[in-house]
Amino acid sequence: MRFTVAAAAAVLLLSACQDPAGVGLGLIDEEQLDPNVRTVPVTTYTEVPDTTVAIGIASTSTTTAIQTRVLAGRVVDPVFGDARAVAYVDLLQPSTLDGDAEAGDVTDAWLELDRAYAYGDTTTALPLELREIQGSWEVDTSYPADTLFATGDVLSTTTVVASDTLRRFDLPDAWVSANAALLLSDDFDDDFEGFALDVPASFVAAPGVVFGFNTFASEGSGLRVVVGEDTVRFPLSEVFSSIATEAPTMVPSGTLGVRASPGAAVRFDADFSPIGSTPLARARIRLPLDASLARDGAFVRPIASRSFLYGIRTVDGEEELVRLSDSVVYDGSGELTVVATTGLTQQVQALLLDPAQAFERYELRSVTGIPSLDIFPLLLPESQPDPGPRFTLTLVGSAPE
């Protein structure tokens, strides 16, 4: 039997005096203030490989494969693993380009990128090289996350620091002259494959940093081309962050050392069956974490600020993935919590009404479209005194002791 609105209404007519106590689910800390609150412990955290690839389109007009950021840099991090990121950006010829312009009118060009993210030592002055991509690449191709594309010689260099906003790569006059006709050509979008941003081979991360750059034109990113007396901006189109990570070597005891994206998802279990067919006013999830790992002096590890909670079950022999929450966020409270609870409440109510709706396991996954090295520094259930990771259920009515 599937959960329906009618079924939900019927269960709300049940006596709220069913006592789910006596099943080992106690009231914890602040939850003791409400006698109608019951908790379901989360158990058995495990890391699950995440196959999400940070490739997509840098445009708000598309409904799929949106990528709002690219990453570039190298960082040494024994706690959550070393990482290297290479950014690839393609360009789109603007509709505002003067159709009567000639190659001789193109006199200058430079790439600007809006820096808006950092993972690692924020005192690092990160050198980056700009090279032209050789060969073709497509946004709808399932490249491995650490794919590297062939590139040409270094065209421009710059040094990025944490205080920067827009960073500029000046293209040499020889490149501008050689590509002037292509920049104006109707075939530009098909024939030009874009640029790569990477650290020099000689760069030694000690410990280094990975910076992120916004990809949307509205943030200032794009190629600026001087055509006659005008400066036009070629917005970014296809973008890809090649990210290679290594396993951590010094994960603190009692903590799950997992990257939110693109490293892995977090899988866990929870057993709602002892609660019974109980009408709910609200369901939440609370996942304590070690926020002290977010910063060590100038070394910064952003905690994943937004993620989704999924339930997984088998239906007719096929694995079904159901999103249970609108958003799970970190708000500085020391726990990941659900902000918008309507969806989670409905899903938990459904499985309480009908055991066939129960999930075999749950997963926490970072929001796609925002490449990062963010972390989930979750405290392991077995390492914590109460309150540990848990679902918090608020019953309807007044439940007896």
Protein backbone atom coordinates (compact mmCIF):
# COMPACT_ATOMS: atom_id res chain seq x y z
CA MET A 1 0.00 0.00 0.00
CA ARG A 2 1.47 3.35 -1.05
CA PHE A 3 1.22 6.41 1.16
CA THR A 4 -1.57 8.80 0.16
CA VAL A 5 -3.04 11.99 1.54
CA ALA A 6 -6.13 10.04 2.57
CA ALA A 7 -4.04 7.57 4.53
CA ALA A 8 -2.25 10.41 6.26
CA ALA A 9 -5.53 12.00 7.24
CA ALA A 10 -6.81 8.70 8.58
CA VAL A 11 -3.82 8.13 10.78
CA LEU A 12 -4.16 11.57 12.32
CA LEU A 13 -7.51 10.38 13.67
CA LEU A 14 -5.74 7.64 15.57
CA SER A 15 -5.20 8.15 19.25
CA ALA A 16 -1.94 9.99 19.81
CA CYS A 17 -1.74 8.14 23.10
CA GLN A 18 0.12 5.21 21.59
CA ASP A 19 3.24 5.06 23.65
CA PRO A 20 6.40 4.50 21.61
CA ALA A 21 8.36 4.53 24.83
CA GLY A 22 9.71 1.24 26.01
CA VAL A 23 11.46 0.67 22.68
CA GLY A 24 14.74 2.11 23.82
CA LEU A 25 14.27 5.52 22.18
CA GLY A 26 14.81 8.18 24.80
CA LEU A 27 14.46 11.93 25.03
CA ILE A 28 17.79 13.69 24.59
CA ASP A 29 19.06 17.07 25.80
CA GLU A 30 16.96 19.90 24.40
CA GLU A 31 14.51 17.36 23.07
CA GLN A 32 13.54 16.60 26.68
CA LEU A 33 11.65 19.91 26.69
CA ASP A 34 8.93 18.36 24.52
CA PRO A 35 7.36 15.15 25.91
CA ASN A 36 6.08 14.29 22.42
CA VAL A 37 9.55 13.97 20.90
CA ARG A 38 11.03 10.58 20.16
CA THR A 39 14.43 9.86 18.62
CA VAL A 40 15.65 7.19 16.21
CA PRO A 41 19.42 6.71 16.34
CA VAL A 42 21.51 6.80 13.18
CA THR A 43 24.00 3.95 13.03
CA THR A 44 26.85 2.58 10.94
CA TYR A 45 28.33 5.44 8.96
CA THR A 46 30.17 4.25 5.85
CA GLU A 47 31.78 6.06 2.94
CA VAL A 48 30.31 5.43 -0.51
CA PRO A 49 32.11 6.29 -3.76
CA ASP A 50 30.46 9.22 -5.52
CA THR A 51 30.60 9.01 -9.31
CA THR A 52 29.52 12.63 -9.86
CA VAL A 53 31.77 14.33 -12.42
CA ALA A 54 32.24 18.10 -12.18
CA ILE A 55 31.40 18.88 -15.80
CA GLY A 56 28.56 20.96 -17.16
CA ILE A 57 27.32 24.22 -18.64
CA ALA A 58 28.08 27.63 -17.12
CA SER A 59 24.63 29.07 -17.78
CA THR A 60 21.52 29.72 -15.73
CA SER A 61 19.40 29.16 -18.84
CA THR A 62 19.99 25.41 -18.89
CA THR A 63 18.06 23.01 -16.65
CA THR A 64 20.67 20.26 -16.60
CA ALA A 65 24.40 19.94 -15.94
CA ILE A 66 24.75 23.42 -14.47
CA GLN A 67 28.26 24.08 -13.15
CA THR A 68 28.63 27.26 -11.15
CA ARG A 69 32.33 26.90 -10.34
CA VAL A 70 35.66 25.50 -11.54
CA LEU A 71 38.59 24.52 -9.33
CA ALA A 72 42.34 24.84 -9.85
CA GLY A 73 45.30 24.26 -7.55
CA ARG A 74 47.06 21.67 -5.43
CA VAL A 75 46.88 21.03 -1.68
CA VAL A 76 48.46 18.66 0.82
CA ASP A 77 45.99 17.63 3.53
CA PRO A 78 46.70 14.49 5.58
CA VAL A 79 43.37 14.78 7.43
CA PHE A 80 41.03 14.65 4.43
CA GLY A 81 43.44 13.71 1.65
CA ASP A 82 45.68 15.55 -0.82
CA ALA A 83 44.03 16.98 -3.92
CA ARG A 84 44.86 18.42 -7.33
CA ALA A 85 42.37 20.32 -9.48
CA VAL A 86 42.65 21.49 -13.07
CA ALA A 87 40.02 23.83 -14.53
CA TYR A 88 38.89 23.62 -18.16
CA VAL A 89 36.69 26.36 -19.62
CA ASP A 90 35.22 26.72 -23.10
CA LEU A 91 33.74 29.93 -24.51
CA LEU A 92 30.62 31.05 -26.33
CA GLN A 93 30.66 33.76 -28.95
CA PRO A 94 28.33 36.61 -27.81
CA SER A 95 25.33 37.62 -29.90
CA THR A 96 26.38 41.27 -29.46
CA LEU A 97 29.50 40.79 -31.59
CA ASP A 98 29.63 43.23 -34.52
CA GLY A 99 28.96 41.19 -37.65
CA ASP A 100 30.87 43.68 -39.78
CA ALA A 101 34.05 43.48 -37.71
CA GLU A 102 37.24 42.24 -39.37
CA ALA A 103 40.23 40.40 -37.99
CA GLY A 104 42.29 43.59 -37.99
CA ASP A 105 39.80 45.14 -35.56
CA VAL A 106 40.72 42.61 -32.84
CA THR A 107 43.55 44.15 -30.86
CA ASP A 108 43.55 42.65 -27.36
CA ALA A 109 42.11 39.77 -25.30
CA TRP A 110 42.27 38.55 -21.72
CA LEU A 111 40.49 35.97 -19.59
CA GLU A 112 38.91 37.15 -16.33
CA LEU A 113 37.70 34.80 -13.59
CA ASP A 114 35.89 35.66 -10.37
CA ARG A 115 37.62 33.92 -7.45
CA ALA A 116 35.14 32.86 -4.77
CA TYR A 117 36.36 29.69 -3.01
CA ALA A 118 39.41 28.38 -1.19
CA TYR A 119 40.44 25.07 0.35
CA GLY A 120 43.82 24.90 2.02
CA ASP A 121 46.40 27.40 3.20
CA THR A 122 44.88 30.81 2.50
CA THR A 123 48.28 32.49 2.78
CA THR A 124 49.46 30.64 -0.35
CA ALA A 125 50.24 32.68 -3.44
CA LEU A 126 49.10 30.18 -6.05
CA PRO A 127 50.74 30.35 -9.50
CA LEU A 128 48.46 29.35 -12.38
CA GLU A 129 49.25 28.78 -16.03
CA LEU A 130 46.79 29.29 -18.88
CA ARG A 131 47.04 26.93 -21.85
CA GLU A 132 44.81 26.31 -24.86
CA ILE A 133 43.02 22.95 -24.95
CA GLN A 134 43.96 20.69 -27.86
CA GLY A 135 41.43 18.19 -29.18
CA SER A 136 37.71 18.11 -28.53
CA TRP A 137 35.73 17.45 -25.35
CA GLU A 138 31.98 17.29 -24.78
CA VAL A 139 29.89 18.14 -21.74
CA ASP A 140 27.67 15.07 -22.16
CA THR A 141 30.61 12.63 -21.96
CA SER A 142 31.06 10.60 -18.79
CA TYR A 143 34.72 11.39 -18.18
CA PRO A 144 36.37 9.99 -15.05
CA ALA A 145 36.60 12.73 -12.41
CA ASP A 146 40.40 13.00 -12.76
CA THR A 147 40.47 13.22 -16.58
CA LEU A 148 43.17 15.49 -18.01
CA PHE A 149 42.91 16.96 -21.52
CA ALA A 150 45.82 17.66 -23.85
CA THR A 151 46.95 21.28 -23.89
CA GLY A 152 49.40 23.51 -25.76
CA ASP A 153 52.14 25.81 -24.55
CA VAL A 154 51.74 28.28 -21.71
CA LEU A 155 49.97 31.41 -22.97
CA SER A 156 49.73 33.41 -19.76
CA THR A 157 50.46 33.17 -16.06
CA THR A 158 49.09 34.82 -12.97
CA THR A 159 49.36 34.44 -9.20
CA VAL A 160 46.17 34.09 -7.15
CA VAL A 161 45.83 34.98 -3.47
CA ALA A 162 42.88 34.63 -1.13
CA SER A 163 42.14 38.37 -1.12
CA ASP A 164 41.63 38.41 -4.90
CA THR A 165 38.28 38.80 -6.57
CA LEU A 166 38.70 39.00 -10.35
CA ARG A 167 41.91 37.45 -11.70
CA ARG A 168 43.16 38.31 -15.17
CA PHE A 169 45.15 36.25 -17.69
CA ASP A 170 46.53 38.53 -20.42
CA LEU A 171 46.79 36.74 -23.75
CA PRO A 172 49.92 37.48 -25.81
CA ASP A 173 49.71 39.63 -28.92
CA ALA A 174 50.80 36.71 -31.07
CA TRP A 175 47.84 34.62 -29.88
CA VAL A 176 45.41 37.51 -30.42
CA SER A 177 46.65 38.02 -33.99
CA ALA A 178 46.62 34.30 -34.79
CA ASN A 179 43.08 33.84 -33.45
CA ALA A 180 41.46 37.15 -34.45
CA ALA A 181 39.64 35.67 -37.43
CA LEU A 182 38.49 32.67 -35.39
CA LEU A 183 37.11 34.90 -32.64
CA LEU A 184 34.88 36.60 -35.24
CA SER A 185 34.04 33.45 -37.19
CA ASP A 186 30.56 31.90 -37.24
CA ASP A 187 32.33 28.60 -36.50
CA PHE A 188 33.99 29.82 -33.29
CA ASP A 189 31.73 27.85 -30.94
CA ASP A 190 32.56 24.59 -32.73
CA ASP A 191 36.21 25.19 -33.59
CA PHE A 192 37.58 26.68 -30.38
CA GLU A 193 37.93 24.26 -27.43
CA GLY A 194 38.83 26.66 -24.63
CA PHE A 195 41.52 27.01 -21.98
CA ALA A 196 43.00 25.01 -19.11
CA LEU A 197 44.13 26.47 -15.77
CA ASP A 198 46.69 24.46 -13.83
CA VAL A 199 49.61 24.96 -11.47
CA PRO A 200 53.11 24.77 -13.01
CA ALA A 201 54.83 21.39 -12.88
CA SER A 202 57.42 22.96 -10.58
CA PHE A 203 54.85 24.05 -7.98
CA VAL A 204 55.33 22.34 -4.61
CA ALA A 205 52.27 22.34 -2.37
CA ALA A 206 53.46 22.99 1.17
CA PRO A 207 50.62 22.73 1.99
CA GLY A 208 49.20 24.68 -0.96
CA VAL A 209 45.64 25.62 -1.81
CA VAL A 210 42.84 24.94 -4.30
CA PHE A 211 40.93 28.02 -5.44
CA GLY A 212 37.48 28.10 -6.99
CA PHE A 213 36.27 30.51 -9.67
CA ASN A 214 32.68 31.39 -10.49
CA THR A 215 31.74 30.47 -14.03
CA PHE A 216 28.69 32.67 -14.64
CA ALA A 217 29.09 35.82 -16.74
CA SER A 218 26.98 37.67 -14.18
CA GLU A 219 29.88 37.22 -11.74
CA GLY A 220 32.34 38.82 -14.16
CA SER A 221 33.93 35.67 -15.57
CA GLY A 222 34.64 35.39 -19.29
CA LEU A 223 36.99 36.29 -22.11
CA ARG A 224 37.26 40.01 -22.87
CA VAL A 225 38.06 40.87 -26.47
CA VAL A 226 38.75 44.38 -27.78
CA VAL A 227 37.09 44.76 -31.20
CA GLY A 228 37.55 48.21 -32.63
CA GLU A 229 36.39 50.66 -29.99
CA ASP A 230 34.30 48.05 -28.13
CA THR A 231 35.21 45.44 -25.55
CA VAL A 232 32.95 42.39 -25.76
CA ARG A 233 32.74 39.50 -23.33
CA PHE A 234 32.70 35.88 -24.48
CA PRO A 235 30.92 34.03 -21.63
CA LEU A 236 32.03 30.61 -20.43
CA SER A 237 30.04 27.71 -21.82
CA GLU A 238 31.28 24.15 -21.16
CA VAL A 239 33.33 23.86 -17.98
CA PHE A 240 35.03 20.94 -16.27
CA SER A 241 36.96 20.55 -13.02
CA SER A 242 39.34 17.61 -13.15
CA ILE A 243 39.82 16.58 -9.52
CA ALA A 244 42.24 13.92 -8.29
CA THR A 245 42.28 13.08 -4.59
CA GLU A 246 44.26 10.75 -2.36
CA ALA A 247 43.17 8.89 0.75
CA PRO A 248 43.74 10.69 4.07
CA THR A 249 46.47 9.43 6.36
CA MET A 250 45.63 11.19 9.65
CA VAL A 251 41.85 11.06 10.14
CA PRO A 252 41.08 12.01 13.77
CA SER A 253 39.80 9.15 15.88
CA GLY A 254 36.01 9.07 16.04
CA THR A 255 35.54 11.17 12.88
CA LEU A 256 34.51 10.12 9.39
CA GLY A 257 37.02 11.77 7.04
CA VAL A 258 34.82 12.22 3.96
CA ARG A 259 34.75 14.89 1.30
CA ALA A 260 31.29 16.13 0.44
CA SER A 261 32.09 16.51 -3.27
CA PRO A 262 33.25 14.91 -5.43
CA GLY A 263 34.85 12.37 -3.12
CA ALA A 264 32.08 10.37 -1.54
CA ALA A 265 28.60 10.18 -0.08
CA VAL A 266 27.86 9.13 3.50
CA ARG A 267 25.66 6.06 4.01
CA PHE A 268 24.00 5.14 7.28
CA ASP A 269 21.18 3.09 8.80
CA ALA A 270 18.16 3.92 10.95
CA ASP A 271 15.38 1.63 12.19
CA PHE A 272 11.95 3.27 12.49
CA SER A 273 10.00 0.05 13.04
CA PRO A 274 9.80 0.35 16.87
CA ILE A 275 7.90 3.64 16.56
CA GLY A 276 4.79 2.02 15.09
CA SER A 277 1.94 3.72 13.19
CA THR A 278 2.38 7.07 14.86
CA PRO A 279 1.00 10.39 13.54
CA LEU A 280 3.78 12.96 13.15
CA ALA A 281 3.88 16.72 13.39
CA ARG A 282 7.50 16.94 12.27
CA ALA A 283 10.56 14.85 11.42
CA ARG A 284 14.12 16.16 11.46
CA ILE A 285 17.61 14.76 11.27
CA ARG A 286 20.55 15.86 13.41
CA LEU A 287 24.08 14.78 12.51
CA PRO A 288 26.76 16.07 14.93
CA LEU A 289 30.12 16.98 13.44
CA ASP A 290 33.54 18.18 14.52
CA ALA A 291 33.52 21.81 13.40
CA SER A 292 37.05 22.32 14.75
CA LEU A 293 38.37 20.56 11.64
CA ALA A 294 37.11 23.40 9.45
CA ARG A 295 40.08 25.63 10.28
CA ASP A 296 43.62 25.17 11.53
CA GLY A 297 45.19 28.60 11.57
CA ALA A 298 45.32 29.80 7.95
CA PHE A 299 44.38 26.34 6.65
CA VAL A 300 40.68 26.27 5.79
CA ARG A 301 38.44 23.31 5.04
CA PRO A 302 34.89 24.48 4.20
CA ILE A 303 32.16 22.33 5.71
CA ALA A 304 29.54 21.34 3.14
CA SER A 305 26.89 23.99 3.67
CA ARG A 306 24.13 22.27 1.72
CA SER A 307 23.37 18.66 0.86
CA PHE A 308 20.47 16.29 0.25
CA LEU A 309 19.24 13.31 2.25
CA TYR A 310 18.13 10.24 0.29
CA GLY A 311 16.42 7.00 1.22
CA ILE A 312 17.26 3.85 -0.73
CA ARG A 313 15.06 0.77 -1.05
CA THR A 314 14.50 -2.09 -3.49
CA VAL A 315 11.28 -2.02 -5.53
CA ASP A 316 10.53 -4.88 -7.95
CA GLY A 317 14.16 -5.90 -7.87
CA GLU A 318 15.39 -2.39 -8.73
CA GLU A 319 17.11 0.07 -6.40
CA GLU A 320 14.97 3.18 -5.85
CA LEU A 321 16.53 6.46 -4.70
CA VAL A 322 14.10 8.85 -2.98
CA ARG A 323 15.08 12.36 -1.92
CA LEU A 324 13.80 12.83 1.62
CA SER A 325 14.62 16.45 2.34
CA ASP A 326 14.59 19.81 0.67
CA SER A 327 17.99 20.64 2.10
CA VAL A 328 20.35 19.55 4.86
CA VAL A 329 22.51 22.46 5.94
CA TYR A 330 25.31 23.37 8.30
CA ASP A 331 24.44 26.58 10.12
CA GLY A 332 27.31 26.72 12.61
CA SER A 333 25.39 24.90 15.35
CA GLY A 334 27.71 21.88 15.40
CA GLU A 335 25.18 19.67 13.60
CA LEU A 336 23.91 19.13 10.09
CA THR A 337 20.15 19.63 10.23
CA VAL A 338 17.18 19.74 7.87
CA VAL A 339 15.88 23.27 7.32
CA ALA A 340 12.71 22.62 5.30
CA THR A 341 11.07 19.63 6.97
CA THR A 342 7.82 19.07 5.03
CA GLY A 343 9.25 16.52 2.62
CA LEU A 344 11.09 14.57 5.31
CA THR A 345 8.03 14.52 7.58
CA GLN A 346 5.84 13.16 4.78
CA GLN A 347 8.33 10.46 3.87
CA VAL A 348 8.83 9.31 7.46
CA GLN A 349 5.06 9.36 8.03
CA ALA A 350 4.63 7.15 4.96
CA LEU A 351 7.06 4.50 6.18
CA LEU A 352 5.49 4.51 9.66
CA LEU A 353 2.07 3.90 8.10
CA ASP A 354 3.23 1.22 5.71
CA PRO A 355 6.30 -0.91 6.56
CA ALA A 356 6.63 -1.70 2.85
CA GLN A 357 7.74 1.92 2.39
CA ALA A 358 10.71 1.48 4.73
CA PHE A 359 14.18 2.31 3.41
CA GLU A 360 17.03 -0.15 3.60
CA ARG A 361 19.58 2.62 4.08
CA TYR A 362 20.10 6.37 3.83
CA GLU A 363 22.66 8.56 2.08
CA LEU A 364 23.83 12.14 2.49
CA ARG A 365 25.01 13.63 -0.81
CA SER A 366 26.35 17.06 -1.64
CA VAL A 367 24.45 19.32 -4.03
CA THR A 368 25.67 18.78 -7.59
CA GLY A 369 26.75 21.62 -9.85
CA ILE A 370 29.11 23.21 -7.31
CA PRO A 371 32.51 21.48 -7.49
CA SER A 372 34.34 21.70 -4.20
CA LEU A 373 36.59 19.89 -1.76
CA ASP A 374 34.16 20.54 1.09
CA ILE A 375 34.12 18.12 4.00
CA PHE A 376 31.63 16.15 6.07
CA PRO A 377 33.52 15.96 9.41
CA LEU A 378 30.84 13.75 10.94
CA LEU A 379 31.38 12.30 14.38
CA LEU A 380 30.97 8.53 14.30
CA PRO A 381 27.91 7.20 16.18
CA GLU A 382 29.99 4.79 18.27
CA SER A 383 32.34 7.59 19.35
CA GLN A 384 29.63 9.80 20.83
CA PRO A 385 27.73 9.98 24.05
CA ASP A 386 24.07 10.94 23.74
CA PRO A 387 22.93 12.85 21.81
CA GLY A 388 24.46 11.15 18.82
CA PRO A 389 23.32 11.28 15.19
CA ARG A 390 19.56 10.82 15.11
CA PHE A 391 16.22 11.41 13.54
CA THR A 392 13.99 13.49 15.81
CA LEU A 393 10.25 12.81 15.56
CA THR A 394 7.63 15.09 17.06
CA LEU A 395 4.36 13.21 17.64
CA VAL A 396 0.90 14.69 17.19
CA GLY A 397 -1.05 15.16 20.43
CA SER A 398 0.05 14.42 23.96
CA ALA A 399 1.90 11.16 24.39
CA PRO A 400 1.83 9.61 27.85
CA GLU A 401 4.96 8.81 29.74
